Amino acid sequence: MYWMFAITPIVLAVCLARFPIARSLGLMDMPDGLRKLHGRPVPLVGGIAVMVPFALVGAGFGLATDLPWLVALSVAGVGLMILGALDDARNLRPVLRLAISVALLMAIVWLVPSLQLDQVRFIGGVQLDTTLLAIPATVFCLIALQNGLN
């Protein structure tokens, strides 16, 4: 609960400085009259406002309580945030973005075995043992989560 007080100033600072931050990072979404119909440029810094403070709190808590998986997820979150910002700024090809996401998540899951799924349970009681494919199964689930949230 107290972590909310730690992240609020960072979130507010990014939100209040959204235009200068977005301009300096090349993260302004410009209207084009076709697909982007907004009336004026929009700063694309929501990921920074949310991910940076949560990653700082997550990594700090993970280090303080000896939870390496929490530190790893914080690092992965920042890596994916940077990838998203690069995509916003440079319009990366989807295959490249997917390949980078998979590589980053595979490295994190390989380095922190406690993140690996050894079984997946579905609604209705169906259970899938993924022991032999733990890393690919975990990465698949994390990629699905990333794309679902995006």
C-alpha atoms as a PDB file:
ATOM      1  CA  MET A   1       0.000   0.000   0.000  1.00  0.00           C
ATOM      2  CA  TYR A   2       2.794   2.431   0.873  1.00  0.00           C
ATOM      3  CA  TRP A   3       4.414   1.872  -2.526  1.00  0.00           C
ATOM      4  CA  MET A   4       1.658   4.035  -4.020  1.00  0.00           C
ATOM      5  CA  PHE A   5       3.114   7.030  -2.210  1.00  0.00           C
ATOM      6  CA  ALA A   6       6.538   6.254  -3.672  1.00  0.00           C
ATOM      7  CA  ILE A   7       5.364   6.106  -7.288  1.00  0.00           C
ATOM      8  CA  THR A   8       2.827   8.944  -7.296  1.00  0.00           C
ATOM      9  CA  PRO A   9       5.410  11.769  -7.629  1.00  0.00           C
ATOM     10  CA  ILE A  10       7.093  10.001 -10.564  1.00  0.00           C
ATOM     11  CA  VAL A  11       3.795   9.401 -12.349  1.00  0.00           C
ATOM     12  CA  LEU A  12       2.725  13.005 -11.774  1.00  0.00           C
ATOM     13  CA  ALA A  13       6.083  14.373 -12.937  1.00  0.00           C
ATOM     14  CA  VAL A  14       5.947  12.398 -16.184  1.00  0.00           C
ATOM     15  CA  CYS A  15       2.332  13.375 -16.780  1.00  0.00           C
ATOM     16  CA  LEU A  16       2.966  17.064 -16.120  1.00  0.00           C
ATOM     17  CA  ALA A  17       6.079  17.078 -18.321  1.00  0.00           C
ATOM     18  CA  ARG A  18       4.577  14.821 -20.987  1.00  0.00           C
ATOM     19  CA  PHE A  19       5.046  17.228 -23.909  1.00  0.00           C
ATOM     20  CA  PRO A  20       8.747  18.046 -23.307  1.00  0.00           C
ATOM     21  CA  ILE A  21       9.521  14.385 -22.537  1.00  0.00           C
ATOM     22  CA  ALA A  22       7.695  13.155 -25.641  1.00  0.00           C
ATOM     23  CA  ARG A  23       9.306  15.772 -27.894  1.00  0.00           C
ATOM     24  CA  SER A  24      12.806  15.035 -26.612  1.00  0.00           C
ATOM     25  CA  LEU A  25      12.334  11.271 -27.124  1.00  0.00           C
ATOM     26  CA  GLY A  26      10.553  11.573 -30.473  1.00  0.00           C
ATOM     27  CA  LEU A  27       7.354  10.132 -29.000  1.00  0.00           C
ATOM     28  CA  MET A  28       4.755  12.521 -30.392  1.00  0.00           C
ATOM     29  CA  ASP A  29       1.870  10.943 -32.299  1.00  0.00           C
ATOM     30  CA  MET A  30       1.043  13.300 -35.153  1.00  0.00           C
ATOM     31  CA  PRO A  31      -2.400  13.374 -36.769  1.00  0.00           C
ATOM     32  CA  ASP A  32      -2.320  12.257 -40.403  1.00  0.00           C
ATOM     33  CA  GLY A  33      -5.955  12.759 -41.444  1.00  0.00           C
ATOM     34  CA  LEU A  34      -6.304   9.085 -42.398  1.00  0.00           C
ATOM     35  CA  ARG A  35      -5.850   6.701 -39.497  1.00  0.00           C
ATOM     36  CA  LYS A  36      -4.800   9.155 -36.801  1.00  0.00           C
ATOM     37  CA  LEU A  37      -7.719  11.527 -36.632  1.00  0.00           C
ATOM     38  CA  HIS A  38      -6.913  13.406 -33.416  1.00  0.00           C
ATOM     39  CA  GLY A  39      -6.810  17.185 -33.763  1.00  0.00           C
ATOM     40  CA  ARG A  40      -3.339  17.853 -32.346  1.00  0.00           C
ATOM     41  CA  PRO A  41      -0.141  15.944 -31.570  1.00  0.00           C
ATOM     42  CA  VAL A  42      -0.449  13.499 -28.658  1.00  0.00           C
ATOM     43  CA  PRO A  43       2.500  12.588 -26.393  1.00  0.00           C
ATOM     44  CA  LEU A  44       3.108   8.830 -26.167  1.00  0.00           C
ATOM     45  CA  VAL A  45       4.589   8.620 -22.669  1.00  0.00           C
ATOM     46  CA  GLY A  46       1.938   6.620 -20.798  1.00  0.00           C
ATOM     47  CA  GLY A  47       4.171   3.538 -20.711  1.00  0.00           C
ATOM     48  CA  ILE A  48       6.976   5.559 -19.168  1.00  0.00           C
ATOM     49  CA  ALA A  49       4.633   7.115 -16.593  1.00  0.00           C
ATOM     50  CA  VAL A  50       3.378   3.697 -15.509  1.00  0.00           C
ATOM     51  CA  MET A  51       6.274   1.291 -16.067  1.00  0.00           C
ATOM     52  CA  VAL A  52       9.223   3.232 -14.646  1.00  0.00           C
ATOM     53  CA  PRO A  53       7.751   3.730 -11.161  1.00  0.00           C
ATOM     54  CA  PHE A  54       6.337   0.201 -10.967  1.00  0.00           C
ATOM     55  CA  ALA A  55       9.673  -1.255 -12.103  1.00  0.00           C
ATOM     56  CA  LEU A  56      11.562   0.797  -9.511  1.00  0.00           C
ATOM     57  CA  VAL A  57       9.241  -0.324  -6.736  1.00  0.00           C
ATOM     58  CA  GLY A  58       9.195  -3.932  -7.987  1.00  0.00           C
ATOM     59  CA  ALA A  59      12.969  -4.174  -8.306  1.00  0.00           C
ATOM     60  CA  GLY A  60      13.512  -2.448  -4.957  1.00  0.00           C
ATOM     61  CA  PHE A  61      11.054  -4.736  -3.185  1.00  0.00           C
ATOM     62  CA  GLY A  62      12.482  -7.775  -4.973  1.00  0.00           C
ATOM     63  CA  LEU A  63      16.018  -6.905  -3.886  1.00  0.00           C
ATOM     64  CA  ALA A  64      14.955  -6.087  -0.317  1.00  0.00           C
ATOM     65  CA  THR A  65      13.022  -9.343   0.124  1.00  0.00           C
ATOM     66  CA  ASP A  66      15.290 -11.614  -1.957  1.00  0.00           C
ATOM     67  CA  LEU A  67      12.725 -12.276  -4.695  1.00  0.00           C
ATOM     68  CA  PRO A  68      14.801 -12.567  -7.886  1.00  0.00           C
ATOM     69  CA  TRP A  69      11.724 -13.238 -10.013  1.00  0.00           C
ATOM     70  CA  LEU A  70      10.309  -9.834  -9.096  1.00  0.00           C
ATOM     71  CA  VAL A  71      13.552  -8.116 -10.052  1.00  0.00           C
ATOM     72  CA  ALA A  72      13.580 -10.094 -13.326  1.00  0.00           C
ATOM     73  CA  LEU A  73      10.002  -9.107 -14.139  1.00  0.00           C
ATOM     74  CA  SER A  74      10.860  -5.473 -13.414  1.00  0.00           C
ATOM     75  CA  VAL A  75      13.836  -5.633 -15.771  1.00  0.00           C
ATOM     76  CA  ALA A  76      11.717  -7.355 -18.441  1.00  0.00           C
ATOM     77  CA  GLY A  77       8.999  -4.727 -18.016  1.00  0.00           C
ATOM     78  CA  VAL A  78      11.478  -1.907 -18.562  1.00  0.00           C
ATOM     79  CA  GLY A  79      12.940  -3.720 -21.577  1.00  0.00           C
ATOM     80  CA  LEU A  80       9.480  -4.133 -23.101  1.00  0.00           C
ATOM     81  CA  MET A  81       8.671  -0.494 -22.321  1.00  0.00           C
ATOM     82  CA  ILE A  82      11.818   0.614 -24.151  1.00  0.00           C
ATOM     83  CA  LEU A  83      10.879  -1.629 -27.069  1.00  0.00           C
ATOM     84  CA  GLY A  84       7.398  -0.090 -27.141  1.00  0.00           C
ATOM     85  CA  ALA A  85       8.860   3.418 -27.108  1.00  0.00           C
ATOM     86  CA  LEU A  86      11.223   2.505 -29.953  1.00  0.00           C
ATOM     87  CA  ASP A  87       8.259   1.133 -31.865  1.00  0.00           C
ATOM     88  CA  ASP A  88       6.294   4.337 -31.264  1.00  0.00           C
ATOM     89  CA  ALA A  89       9.245   6.479 -32.384  1.00  0.00           C
ATOM     90  CA  ARG A  90      10.440   4.409 -35.349  1.00  0.00           C
ATOM     91  CA  ASN A  91       7.493   2.198 -36.339  1.00  0.00           C
ATOM     92  CA  LEU A  92       9.321  -1.122 -36.036  1.00  0.00           C
ATOM     93  CA  ARG A  93       8.222  -4.010 -38.206  1.00  0.00           C
ATOM     94  CA  PRO A  94       5.960  -6.405 -36.253  1.00  0.00           C
ATOM     95  CA  VAL A  95       8.238  -9.403 -36.867  1.00  0.00           C
ATOM     96  CA  LEU A  96      11.231  -7.516 -35.469  1.00  0.00           C
ATOM     97  CA  ARG A  97       9.283  -6.359 -32.430  1.00  0.00           C
ATOM     98  CA  LEU A  98       8.053  -9.913 -31.784  1.00  0.00           C
ATOM     99  CA  ALA A  99      11.567 -11.343 -32.197  1.00  0.00           C
ATOM    100  CA  ILE A 100      13.036  -8.834 -29.739  1.00  0.00           C
ATOM    101  CA  SER A 101      10.228  -9.503 -27.232  1.00  0.00           C
ATOM    102  CA  VAL A 102      10.742 -13.260 -27.484  1.00  0.00           C
ATOM    103  CA  ALA A 103      14.532 -12.952 -27.104  1.00  0.00           C
ATOM    104  CA  LEU A 104      14.242 -10.665 -24.062  1.00  0.00           C
ATOM    105  CA  LEU A 105      11.652 -12.842 -22.346  1.00  0.00           C
ATOM    106  CA  MET A 106      13.516 -16.076 -23.140  1.00  0.00           C
ATOM    107  CA  ALA A 107      16.653 -14.632 -21.539  1.00  0.00           C
ATOM    108  CA  ILE A 108      14.759 -13.530 -18.419  1.00  0.00           C
ATOM    109  CA  VAL A 109      12.931 -16.858 -18.060  1.00  0.00           C
ATOM    110  CA  TRP A 110      16.147 -18.812 -18.632  1.00  0.00           C
ATOM    111  CA  LEU A 111      18.072 -16.718 -16.081  1.00  0.00           C
ATOM    112  CA  VAL A 112      15.318 -17.001 -13.436  1.00  0.00           C
ATOM    113  CA  PRO A 113      14.029 -20.590 -13.472  1.00  0.00           C
ATOM    114  CA  SER A 114      11.411 -19.838 -10.801  1.00  0.00           C
ATOM    115  CA  LEU A 115       9.476 -17.955 -13.510  1.00  0.00           C
ATOM    116  CA  GLN A 116       9.122 -21.060 -15.673  1.00  0.00           C
ATOM    117  CA  LEU A 117       5.679 -22.631 -15.916  1.00  0.00           C
ATOM    118  CA  ASP A 118       5.753 -26.355 -15.299  1.00  0.00           C
ATOM    119  CA  GLN A 119       2.024 -26.765 -15.825  1.00  0.00           C
ATOM    120  CA  VAL A 120      -0.874 -24.779 -17.184  1.00  0.00           C
ATOM    121  CA  ARG A 121      -4.415 -25.238 -15.885  1.00  0.00           C
ATOM    122  CA  PHE A 122      -7.405 -24.324 -18.004  1.00  0.00           C
ATOM    123  CA  ILE A 123     -10.996 -23.660 -17.031  1.00  0.00           C
ATOM    124  CA  GLY A 124     -12.836 -26.948 -16.752  1.00  0.00           C
ATOM    125  CA  GLY A 125     -10.023 -28.755 -14.960  1.00  0.00           C
ATOM    126  CA  VAL A 126      -7.846 -29.497 -17.983  1.00  0.00           C
ATOM    127  CA  GLN A 127      -4.191 -29.440 -17.011  1.00  0.00           C
ATOM    128  CA  LEU A 128      -1.227 -29.375 -19.379  1.00  0.00           C
ATOM    129  CA  ASP A 129       2.191 -30.502 -18.152  1.00  0.00           C
ATOM    130  CA  THR A 130       4.811 -28.194 -19.694  1.00  0.00           C
ATOM    131  CA  THR A 131       7.899 -29.456 -17.878  1.00  0.00           C
ATOM    132  CA  LEU A 132       9.788 -30.328 -21.076  1.00  0.00           C
ATOM    133  CA  LEU A 133       8.740 -27.102 -22.763  1.00  0.00           C
ATOM    134  CA  ALA A 134       8.757 -24.829 -19.717  1.00  0.00           C
ATOM    135  CA  ILE A 135      10.696 -21.953 -21.278  1.00  0.00           C
ATOM    136  CA  PRO A 136       8.765 -21.785 -24.588  1.00  0.00           C
ATOM    137  CA  ALA A 137       5.426 -22.221 -22.773  1.00  0.00           C
ATOM    138  CA  THR A 138       6.272 -19.424 -20.329  1.00  0.00           C
ATOM    139  CA  VAL A 139       7.480 -17.101 -23.083  1.00  0.00           C
ATOM    140  CA  PHE A 140       4.332 -17.820 -25.105  1.00  0.00           C
ATOM    141  CA  CYS A 141       2.150 -16.878 -22.110  1.00  0.00           C
ATOM    142  CA  LEU A 142       4.171 -13.709 -21.426  1.00  0.00           C
ATOM    143  CA  ILE A 143       4.002 -12.668 -25.106  1.00  0.00           C
ATOM    144  CA  ALA A 144       0.218 -13.246 -25.037  1.00  0.00           C
ATOM    145  CA  LEU A 145       0.000 -11.094 -21.891  1.00  0.00           C
ATOM    146  CA  GLN A 146       2.163  -8.367 -23.440  1.00  0.00           C
ATOM    147  CA  ASN A 147       0.013  -8.224 -26.563  1.00  0.00           C
ATOM    148  CA  GLY A 148      -3.217  -8.419 -24.601  1.00  0.00           C
ATOM    149  CA  LEU A 149      -2.200  -5.473 -22.427  1.00  0.00           C
ATOM    150  CA  ASN A 150      -0.919  -3.502 -25.378  1.00  0.00           C
END
